PDB file of all heavy atoms in Angstrom:
ATOM      1  N   LYS A   1     117.236 100.953  90.883  1.00  0.00           N
ATOM      2  CA  LYS A   1     117.176  99.557  90.385  1.00  0.00           C
ATOM      3  C   LYS A   1     116.023  98.774  91.111  1.00  0.00           C
ATOM      4  O   LYS A   1     115.291  98.112  90.450  1.00  0.00           O
ATOM      5  CB  LYS A   1     118.522  98.792  90.554  1.00  0.00           C
ATOM      6  CG  LYS A   1     118.579  97.491  90.044  1.00  0.00           C
ATOM      7  CD  LYS A   1     119.912  96.816  90.064  1.00  0.00           C
ATOM      8  CE  LYS A   1     119.935  95.323  89.484  1.00  0.00           C
ATOM      9  NZ  LYS A   1     121.251  94.796  89.645  1.00  0.00           N
ATOM     10  N   LYS A   2     115.887  99.020  92.412  1.00  0.00           N
ATOM     11  CA  LYS A   2     114.847  98.299  93.120  1.00  0.00           C
ATOM     12  C   LYS A   2     113.509  98.700  92.604  1.00  0.00           C
ATOM     13  O   LYS A   2     112.521  97.820  92.576  1.00  0.00           O
ATOM     14  CB  LYS A   2     114.996  98.592  94.686  1.00  0.00           C
ATOM     15  CG  LYS A   2     116.306  98.178  95.323  1.00  0.00           C
ATOM     16  CD  LYS A   2     116.439  96.572  95.506  1.00  0.00           C
ATOM     17  CE  LYS A   2     117.649  96.307  96.294  1.00  0.00           C
ATOM     18  NZ  LYS A   2     117.765  94.840  96.576  1.00  0.00           N
ATOM     19  N   SER A   3     113.374  99.941  92.302  1.00  0.00           N
ATOM     20  CA  SER A   3     112.118 100.665  91.844  1.00  0.00           C
ATOM     21  C   SER A   3     111.700  99.986  90.523  1.00  0.00           C
ATOM     22  O   SER A   3     110.598  99.595  90.321  1.00  0.00           O
ATOM     23  CB  SER A   3     112.241 102.098  91.775  1.00  0.00           C
ATOM     24  OG  SER A   3     111.087 102.606  91.070  1.00  0.00           O
ATOM     25  N   LYS A   4     112.804  99.771  89.664  1.00  0.00           N
ATOM     26  CA  LYS A   4     112.509  99.186  88.310  1.00  0.00           C
ATOM     27  C   LYS A   4     112.029  97.742  88.431  1.00  0.00           C
ATOM     28  O   LYS A   4     111.147  97.361  87.675  1.00  0.00           O
ATOM     29  CB  LYS A   4     113.798  99.350  87.445  1.00  0.00           C
ATOM     30  CG  LYS A   4     114.078 100.850  87.096  1.00  0.00           C
ATOM     31  CD  LYS A   4     115.316 100.874  86.144  1.00  0.00           C
ATOM     32  CE  LYS A   4     115.556 102.293  85.717  1.00  0.00           C
ATOM     33  NZ  LYS A   4     116.823 102.390  84.935  1.00  0.00           N
ATOM     34  N   VAL A   5     112.692  97.061  89.346  1.00  0.00           N
ATOM     35  CA  VAL A   5     112.354  95.724  89.558  1.00  0.00           C
ATOM     36  C   VAL A   5     110.825  95.478  89.975  1.00  0.00           C
ATOM     37  O   VAL A   5     110.108  94.711  89.629  1.00  0.00           O
ATOM     38  CB  VAL A   5     113.363  94.893  90.488  1.00  0.00           C
ATOM     39  CG1 VAL A   5     112.823  93.492  90.849  1.00  0.00           C
ATOM     40  CG2 VAL A   5     114.724  94.725  89.897  1.00  0.00           C
ATOM     41  N   TRP A   6     110.538  96.416  90.996  1.00  0.00           N
ATOM     42  CA  TRP A   6     109.151  96.502  91.572  1.00  0.00           C
ATOM     43  C   TRP A   6     108.212  96.714  90.483  1.00  0.00           C
ATOM     44  O   TRP A   6     107.127  95.998  90.349  1.00  0.00           O
ATOM     45  CB  TRP A   6     109.096  97.460  92.655  1.00  0.00           C
ATOM     46  CG  TRP A   6     107.878  97.283  93.570  1.00  0.00           C
ATOM     47  CD1 TRP A   6     106.981  96.371  93.549  1.00  0.00           C
ATOM     48  CD2 TRP A   6     107.603  98.151  94.676  1.00  0.00           C
ATOM     49  NE1 TRP A   6     106.140  96.564  94.613  1.00  0.00           N
ATOM     50  CE2 TRP A   6     106.481  97.601  95.299  1.00  0.00           C
ATOM     51  CE3 TRP A   6     108.172  99.216  95.252  1.00  0.00           C
ATOM     52  CZ2 TRP A   6     105.815  98.177  96.472  1.00  0.00           C
ATOM     53  CZ3 TRP A   6     107.676  99.818  96.441  1.00  0.00           C
ATOM     54  CH2 TRP A   6     106.446  99.290  96.899  1.00  0.00           C
ATOM     55  N   ASN A   7     108.469  97.783  89.642  1.00  0.00           N
ATOM     56  CA  ASN A   7     107.548  98.104  88.552  1.00  0.00           C
ATOM     57  C   ASN A   7     107.410  96.868  87.629  1.00  0.00           C
ATOM     58  O   ASN A   7     106.305  96.652  86.959  1.00  0.00           O
ATOM     59  CB  ASN A   7     107.993  99.430  87.899  1.00  0.00           C
ATOM     60  CG  ASN A   7     107.573 100.574  88.528  1.00  0.00           C
ATOM     61  OD1 ASN A   7     106.486 100.653  89.241  1.00  0.00           O
ATOM     62  ND2 ASN A   7     108.299 101.705  88.285  1.00  0.00           N
ATOM     63  N   THR A   8     108.477  96.220  87.314  1.00  0.00           N
ATOM     64  CA  THR A   8     108.431  95.126  86.466  1.00  0.00           C
ATOM     65  C   THR A   8     107.600  94.032  86.938  1.00  0.00           C
ATOM     66  O   THR A   8     106.666  93.403  86.219  1.00  0.00           O
ATOM     67  CB  THR A   8     109.884  94.554  86.175  1.00  0.00           C
ATOM     68  OG1 THR A   8     110.671  95.596  85.621  1.00  0.00           O
ATOM     69  CG2 THR A   8     109.842  93.282  85.267  1.00  0.00           C
ATOM     70  N   ARG A   9     107.569  93.856  88.181  1.00  0.00           N
ATOM     71  CA  ARG A   9     106.919  92.754  88.806  1.00  0.00           C
ATOM     72  C   ARG A   9     105.377  93.096  88.737  1.00  0.00           C
ATOM     73  O   ARG A   9     104.515  92.343  88.619  1.00  0.00           O
ATOM     74  CB  ARG A   9     107.359  92.362  90.202  1.00  0.00           C
ATOM     75  CG  ARG A   9     108.794  91.879  90.255  1.00  0.00           C
ATOM     76  CD  ARG A   9     109.148  91.345  91.627  1.00  0.00           C
ATOM     77  NE  ARG A   9     108.296  90.097  91.883  1.00  0.00           N
ATOM     78  CZ  ARG A   9     108.243  89.474  93.141  1.00  0.00           C
ATOM     79  NH1 ARG A   9     109.139  89.858  94.053  1.00  0.00           N
ATOM     80  NH2 ARG A   9     107.591  88.334  93.305  1.00  0.00           N
ATOM     81  N   ILE A  10     105.063  94.434  89.020  1.00  0.00           N
ATOM     82  CA  ILE A  10     103.720  94.870  88.894  1.00  0.00           C
ATOM     83  C   ILE A  10     103.259  94.839  87.493  1.00  0.00           C
ATOM     84  O   ILE A  10     102.096  94.508  87.270  1.00  0.00           O
ATOM     85  CB  ILE A  10     103.710  96.344  89.461  1.00  0.00           C
ATOM     86  CG1 ILE A  10     103.986  96.397  91.009  1.00  0.00           C
ATOM     87  CG2 ILE A  10     102.231  96.950  89.195  1.00  0.00           C
ATOM     88  CD1 ILE A  10     104.097  97.755  91.560  1.00  0.00           C
ATOM     89  N   ASN A  11     104.021  95.081  86.634  1.00  0.00           N
ATOM     90  CA  ASN A  11     103.660  95.036  85.081  1.00  0.00           C
ATOM     91  C   ASN A  11     103.355  93.585  84.751  1.00  0.00           C
ATOM     92  O   ASN A  11     102.390  93.295  84.007  1.00  0.00           O
ATOM     93  CB  ASN A  11     104.718  95.534  84.371  1.00  0.00           C
ATOM     94  CG  ASN A  11     104.369  95.563  82.754  1.00  0.00           C
ATOM     95  OD1 ASN A  11     103.468  96.234  82.455  1.00  0.00           O
ATOM     96  ND2 ASN A  11     105.141  94.897  82.046  1.00  0.00           N
ATOM     97  N   ASP A  12     104.071  92.631  85.356  1.00  0.00           N
ATOM     98  CA  ASP A  12     103.726  91.219  85.174  1.00  0.00           C
ATOM     99  C   ASP A  12     102.418  90.888  85.648  1.00  0.00           C
ATOM    100  O   ASP A  12     101.665  90.152  84.996  1.00  0.00           O
ATOM    101  CB  ASP A  12     104.809  90.314  85.726  1.00  0.00           C
ATOM    102  CG  ASP A  12     106.128  90.328  85.063  1.00  0.00           C
ATOM    103  OD1 ASP A  12     106.165  90.780  83.869  1.00  0.00           O
ATOM    104  OD2 ASP A  12     107.095  90.107  85.683  1.00  0.00           O
ATOM    105  N   GLU A  13     102.036  91.384  86.863  1.00  0.00           N
ATOM    106  CA  GLU A  13     100.768  91.247  87.456  1.00  0.00           C
ATOM    107  C   GLU A  13      99.621  91.809  86.593  1.00  0.00           C
ATOM    108  O   GLU A  13      98.542  91.135  86.438  1.00  0.00           O
ATOM    109  CB  GLU A  13     100.632  91.779  88.873  1.00  0.00           C
ATOM    110  CG  GLU A  13     101.430  91.010  89.793  1.00  0.00           C
ATOM    111  CD  GLU A  13     100.892  89.676  90.211  1.00  0.00           C
ATOM    112  OE1 GLU A  13      99.660  89.535  90.190  1.00  0.00           O
ATOM    113  OE2 GLU A  13     101.718  88.652  90.607  1.00  0.00           O
ATOM    114  N   GLU A  14      99.867  93.028  86.118  1.00  0.00           N
ATOM    115  CA  GLU A  14      98.899  93.617  85.263  1.00  0.00           C
ATOM    116  C   GLU A  14      98.681  92.832  84.004  1.00  0.00           C
ATOM    117  O   GLU A  14      97.503  92.864  83.405  1.00  0.00           O
ATOM    118  CB  GLU A  14      99.354  95.046  84.932  1.00  0.00           C
ATOM    119  CG  GLU A  14      99.329  95.936  86.207  1.00  0.00           C
ATOM    120  CD  GLU A  14      99.815  97.414  85.846  1.00  0.00           C
ATOM    121  OE1 GLU A  14     100.829  97.511  85.050  1.00  0.00           O
ATOM    122  OE2 GLU A  14      99.289  98.392  86.416  1.00  0.00           O
ATOM    123  N   LYS A  15      99.628  92.227  83.396  1.00  0.00           N
ATOM    124  CA  LYS A  15      99.503  91.369  82.143  1.00  0.00           C
ATOM    125  C   LYS A  15      98.548  90.249  82.495  1.00  0.00           C
ATOM    126  O   LYS A  15      97.889  89.727  81.541  1.00  0.00           O
ATOM    127  CB  LYS A  15     100.870  90.900  81.707  1.00  0.00           C
ATOM    128  CG  LYS A  15     101.697  92.031  81.155  1.00  0.00           C
ATOM    129  CD  LYS A  15     103.041  91.403  80.695  1.00  0.00           C
ATOM    130  CE  LYS A  15     103.996  92.452  80.156  1.00  0.00           C
ATOM    131  NZ  LYS A  15     105.325  91.998  79.758  1.00  0.00           N
ATOM    132  N   GLN A  16      98.388  89.890  83.722  1.00  0.00           N
ATOM    133  CA  GLN A  16      97.509  88.731  84.124  1.00  0.00           C
ATOM    134  C   GLN A  16      96.144  89.295  84.548  1.00  0.00           C
ATOM    135  O   GLN A  16      95.393  88.530  85.008  1.00  0.00           O
ATOM    136  CB  GLN A  16      98.200  87.944  85.183  1.00  0.00           C
ATOM    137  CG  GLN A  16      99.545  87.307  84.823  1.00  0.00           C
ATOM    138  CD  GLN A  16     100.149  86.620  85.963  1.00  0.00           C
ATOM    139  OE1 GLN A  16      99.491  85.809  86.730  1.00  0.00           O
ATOM    140  NE2 GLN A  16     101.508  86.810  86.205  1.00  0.00           N
ATOM    141  N   GLY A  17      95.940  90.606  84.470  1.00  0.00           N
ATOM    142  CA  GLY A  17      94.626  91.184  84.772  1.00  0.00           C
ATOM    143  C   GLY A  17      94.545  91.696  86.233  1.00  0.00           C
ATOM    144  O   GLY A  17      93.486  92.084  86.593  1.00  0.00           O
ATOM    145  N   ASN A  18      95.596  91.733  86.881  1.00  0.00           N
ATOM    146  CA  ASN A  18      95.610  92.220  88.318  1.00  0.00           C
ATOM    147  C   ASN A  18      96.146  93.583  88.380  1.00  0.00           C
ATOM    148  O   ASN A  18      97.283  93.806  87.970  1.00  0.00           O
ATOM    149  CB  ASN A  18      96.463  91.212  89.237  1.00  0.00           C
ATOM    150  CG  ASN A  18      96.127  91.543  90.647  1.00  0.00           C
ATOM    151  OD1 ASN A  18      95.130  91.960  90.994  1.00  0.00           O
ATOM    152  ND2 ASN A  18      97.074  91.106  91.528  1.00  0.00           N
ATOM    153  N   PRO A  19      95.320  94.569  88.801  1.00  0.00           N
ATOM    154  CA  PRO A  19      95.729  95.955  88.688  1.00  0.00           C
ATOM    155  C   PRO A  19      96.970  96.216  89.659  1.00  0.00           C
ATOM    156  O   PRO A  19      97.356  95.406  90.488  1.00  0.00           O
ATOM    157  CB  PRO A  19      94.544  96.713  89.276  1.00  0.00           C
ATOM    158  CG  PRO A  19      93.403  95.950  89.003  1.00  0.00           C
ATOM    159  CD  PRO A  19      93.961  94.452  89.204  1.00  0.00           C
ATOM    160  N   ARG A  20      97.597  97.389  89.478  1.00  0.00           N
ATOM    161  CA  ARG A  20      98.744  97.817  90.306  1.00  0.00           C
ATOM    162  C   ARG A  20      98.425  97.646  91.831  1.00  0.00           C
ATOM    163  O   ARG A  20      99.244  97.138  92.668  1.00  0.00           O
ATOM    164  CB  ARG A  20      99.101  99.221  90.060  1.00  0.00           C
ATOM    165  CG  ARG A  20     100.344  99.729  90.747  1.00  0.00           C
ATOM    166  CD  ARG A  20     100.757 101.115  90.322  1.00  0.00           C
ATOM    167  NE  ARG A  20     102.088 101.328  90.722  1.00  0.00           N
ATOM    168  CZ  ARG A  20     103.229 101.170  90.027  1.00  0.00           C
ATOM    169  NH1 ARG A  20     103.205 100.679  88.820  1.00  0.00           N
ATOM    170  NH2 ARG A  20     104.391 101.317  90.522  1.00  0.00           N
ATOM    171  N   PHE A  21      97.205  98.029  92.165  1.00  0.00           N
ATOM    172  CA  PHE A  21      96.944  97.989  93.682  1.00  0.00           C
ATOM    173  C   PHE A  21      96.177  96.756  94.006  1.00  0.00           C
ATOM    174  O   PHE A  21      95.462  96.702  95.067  1.00  0.00           O
ATOM    175  CB  PHE A  21      96.095  99.241  94.087  1.00  0.00           C
ATOM    176  CG  PHE A  21      95.147  99.811  93.044  1.00  0.00           C
ATOM    177  CD1 PHE A  21      93.905  99.183  92.817  1.00  0.00           C
ATOM    178  CD2 PHE A  21      95.526 100.801  92.190  1.00  0.00           C
ATOM    179  CE1 PHE A  21      93.152  99.669  91.876  1.00  0.00           C
ATOM    180  CE2 PHE A  21      94.635 101.319  91.206  1.00  0.00           C
ATOM    181  CZ  PHE A  21      93.453 100.769  91.047  1.00  0.00           C
ATOM    182  N   GLY A  22      96.403  95.631  93.389  1.00  0.00           N
ATOM    183  CA  GLY A  22      95.823  94.393  93.612  1.00  0.00           C
ATOM    184  C   GLY A  22      96.659  93.333  94.357  1.00  0.00           C
ATOM    185  O   GLY A  22      96.345  92.274  94.541  1.00  0.00           O
ATOM    186  N   CYS A  23      97.931  93.846  94.759  1.00  0.00           N
ATOM    187  CA  CYS A  23      98.877  92.957  95.391  1.00  0.00           C
ATOM    188  C   CYS A  23      99.298  93.525  96.803  1.00  0.00           C
ATOM    189  O   CYS A  23      99.413  94.820  96.926  1.00  0.00           O
ATOM    190  CB  CYS A  23     100.120  92.806  94.556  1.00  0.00           C
ATOM    191  SG  CYS A  23      99.897  91.885  93.019  1.00  0.00           S
ATOM    192  N   VAL A  24      99.576  92.679  97.716  1.00  0.00           N
ATOM    193  CA  VAL A  24     100.151  93.055  98.929  1.00  0.00           C
ATOM    194  C   VAL A  24     101.603  92.684  98.944  1.00  0.00           C
ATOM    195  O   VAL A  24     102.023  91.597  98.505  1.00  0.00           O
ATOM    196  CB  VAL A  24      99.584  92.352 100.216  1.00  0.00           C
ATOM    197  CG1 VAL A  24     100.280  92.598 101.442  1.00  0.00           C
ATOM    198  CG2 VAL A  24      98.142  92.631 100.308  1.00  0.00           C
ATOM    199  N   TRP A  25     102.428  93.701  99.154  1.00  0.00           N
ATOM    200  CA  TRP A  25     103.996  93.493  99.273  1.00  0.00           C
ATOM    201  C   TRP A  25     104.502  93.764 100.598  1.00  0.00           C
ATOM    202  O   TRP A  25     103.991  94.570 101.381  1.00  0.00           O
ATOM    203  CB  TRP A  25     104.555  94.536  98.292  1.00  0.00           C
ATOM    204  CG  TRP A  25     104.034  94.564  96.936  1.00  0.00           C
ATOM    205  CD1 TRP A  25     102.969  95.248  96.497  1.00  0.00           C
ATOM    206  CD2 TRP A  25     104.563  93.820  95.738  1.00  0.00           C
ATOM    207  NE1 TRP A  25     102.775  94.931  95.072  1.00  0.00           N
ATOM    208  CE2 TRP A  25     103.706  94.093  94.626  1.00  0.00           C
ATOM    209  CE3 TRP A  25     105.653  92.892  95.542  1.00  0.00           C
ATOM    210  CZ2 TRP A  25     103.944  93.588  93.425  1.00  0.00           C
ATOM    211  CZ3 TRP A  25     105.860  92.500  94.245  1.00  0.00           C
ATOM    212  CH2 TRP A  25     104.957  92.752  93.190  1.00  0.00           C
ATOM    213  N   GLN A  26     105.625  93.044 100.918  1.00  0.00           N
ATOM    214  CA  GLN A  26     106.391  93.276 102.141  1.00  0.00           C
ATOM    215  C   GLN A  26     107.556  94.184 101.710  1.00  0.00           C
ATOM    216  O   GLN A  26     108.461  93.802 100.958  1.00  0.00           O
ATOM    217  CB  GLN A  26     106.867  91.999 102.809  1.00  0.00           C
ATOM    218  CG  GLN A  26     107.613  92.374 104.013  1.00  0.00           C
ATOM    219  CD  GLN A  26     107.858  90.977 104.856  1.00  0.00           C
ATOM    220  OE1 GLN A  26     108.014  90.016 104.308  1.00  0.00           O
ATOM    221  NE2 GLN A  26     108.133  91.106 106.143  1.00  0.00           N
ATOM    222  N   LEU A  27     107.668  95.255 102.446  1.00  0.00           N
ATOM    223  CA  LEU A  27     108.733  96.271 102.121  1.00  0.00           C
ATOM    224  C   LEU A  27     109.716  96.009 103.396  1.00  0.00           C
ATOM    225  O   LEU A  27     109.550  96.324 104.470  1.00  0.00           O
ATOM    226  CB  LEU A  27     108.131  97.696 102.223  1.00  0.00           C
ATOM    227  CG  LEU A  27     109.380  98.827 101.938  1.00  0.00           C
ATOM    228  CD1 LEU A  27     109.892  98.699 100.530  1.00  0.00           C
ATOM    229  CD2 LEU A  27     108.700 100.130 102.127  1.00  0.00           C
ATOM    230  N   GLY A  28     110.846  95.405 103.046  1.00  0.00           N
ATOM    231  CA  GLY A  28     111.907  95.210 103.960  1.00  0.00           C
ATOM    232  C   GLY A  28     113.138  95.847 103.627  1.00  0.00           C
ATOM    233  O   GLY A  28     113.221  96.779 102.863  1.00  0.00           O
ATOM    234  N   VAL A  29     114.178  95.580 104.361  1.00  0.00           N
ATOM    235  CA  VAL A  29     115.518  96.245 104.283  1.00  0.00           C
ATOM    236  C   VAL A  29     116.620  95.188 104.198  1.00  0.00           C
ATOM    237  O   VAL A  29     116.598  94.162 104.895  1.00  0.00           O
ATOM    238  CB  VAL A  29     115.791  97.101 105.507  1.00  0.00           C
ATOM    239  CG1 VAL A  29     117.152  97.820 105.434  1.00  0.00           C
ATOM    240  CG2 VAL A  29     114.660  98.144 105.671  1.00  0.00           C
ATOM    241  N   VAL A  30     117.583  95.463 103.375  1.00  0.00           N
ATOM    242  CA  VAL A  30     118.780  94.604 103.237  1.00  0.00           C
ATOM    243  C   VAL A  30     120.090  95.493 103.253  1.00  0.00           C
ATOM    244  O   VAL A  30     119.990  96.625 102.933  1.00  0.00           O
ATOM    245  CB  VAL A  30     118.780  93.855 101.945  1.00  0.00           C
ATOM    246  CG1 VAL A  30     117.600  92.764 101.889  1.00  0.00           C
ATOM    247  CG2 VAL A  30     118.703  94.711 100.585  1.00  0.00           C
ATOM    248  N   SER A  31     121.182  94.898 103.647  1.00  0.00           N
ATOM    249  CA  SER A  31     122.405  95.546 103.688  1.00  0.00           C
ATOM    250  C   SER A  31     123.125  95.288 102.395  1.00  0.00           C
ATOM    251  O   SER A  31     123.185  94.157 101.898  1.00  0.00           O
ATOM    252  CB  SER A  31     123.274  95.041 104.846  1.00  0.00           C
ATOM    253  OG  SER A  31     124.472  95.660 104.896  1.00  0.00           O
ATOM    254  N   GLU A  32     123.617  96.250 101.805  1.00  0.00           N
ATOM    255  CA  GLU A  32     124.442  96.235 100.454  1.00  0.00           C
ATOM    256  C   GLU A  32     125.600  96.983 100.618  1.00  0.00           C
ATOM    257  O   GLU A  32     125.961  97.740 101.539  1.00  0.00           O
ATOM    258  CB  GLU A  32     123.589  96.560  99.311  1.00  0.00           C
ATOM    259  CG  GLU A  32     122.354  95.785  99.165  1.00  0.00           C
ATOM    260  CD  GLU A  32     121.374  96.261  97.957  1.00  0.00           C
ATOM    261  OE1 GLU A  32     121.650  97.373  97.437  1.00  0.00           O
ATOM    262  OE2 GLU A  32     120.573  95.424  97.486  1.00  0.00           O
ATOM    263  N   SER A  33     126.490  96.960  99.536  1.00  0.00           N
ATOM    264  CA  SER A  33     127.788  97.727  99.523  1.00  0.00           C
ATOM    265  C   SER A  33     128.148  98.031  98.078  1.00  0.00           C
ATOM    266  O   SER A  33     127.762  97.324  97.140  1.00  0.00           O
ATOM    267  CB  SER A  33     128.919  96.975 100.231  1.00  0.00           C
ATOM    268  OG  SER A  33     129.147  95.723  99.504  1.00  0.00           O
ATOM    269  N   ASN A  34     128.929  99.091  97.972  1.00  0.00           N
ATOM    270  CA  ASN A  34     129.441  99.466  96.651  1.00  0.00           C
ATOM    271  C   ASN A  34     130.858 100.148  96.924  1.00  0.00           C
ATOM    272  O   ASN A  34     131.284 100.000  98.030  1.00  0.00           O
ATOM    273  CB  ASN A  34     128.561 100.414  95.871  1.00  0.00           C
ATOM    274  CG  ASN A  34     128.134 101.714  96.595  1.00  0.00           C
ATOM    275  OD1 ASN A  34     128.912 101.928  97.588  1.00  0.00           O
ATOM    276  ND2 ASN A  34     127.121 102.227  96.207  1.00  0.00           N
TER     277      ASN A  34
END
């Protein structure tokens, strides 16, 4: 799910003319449960 959200945000950037590798992202960690 995190991967899909990331790709979606990258796709939004690409729609504005900014390539996939045109953004700097912070890769962090969160605690979750199921």
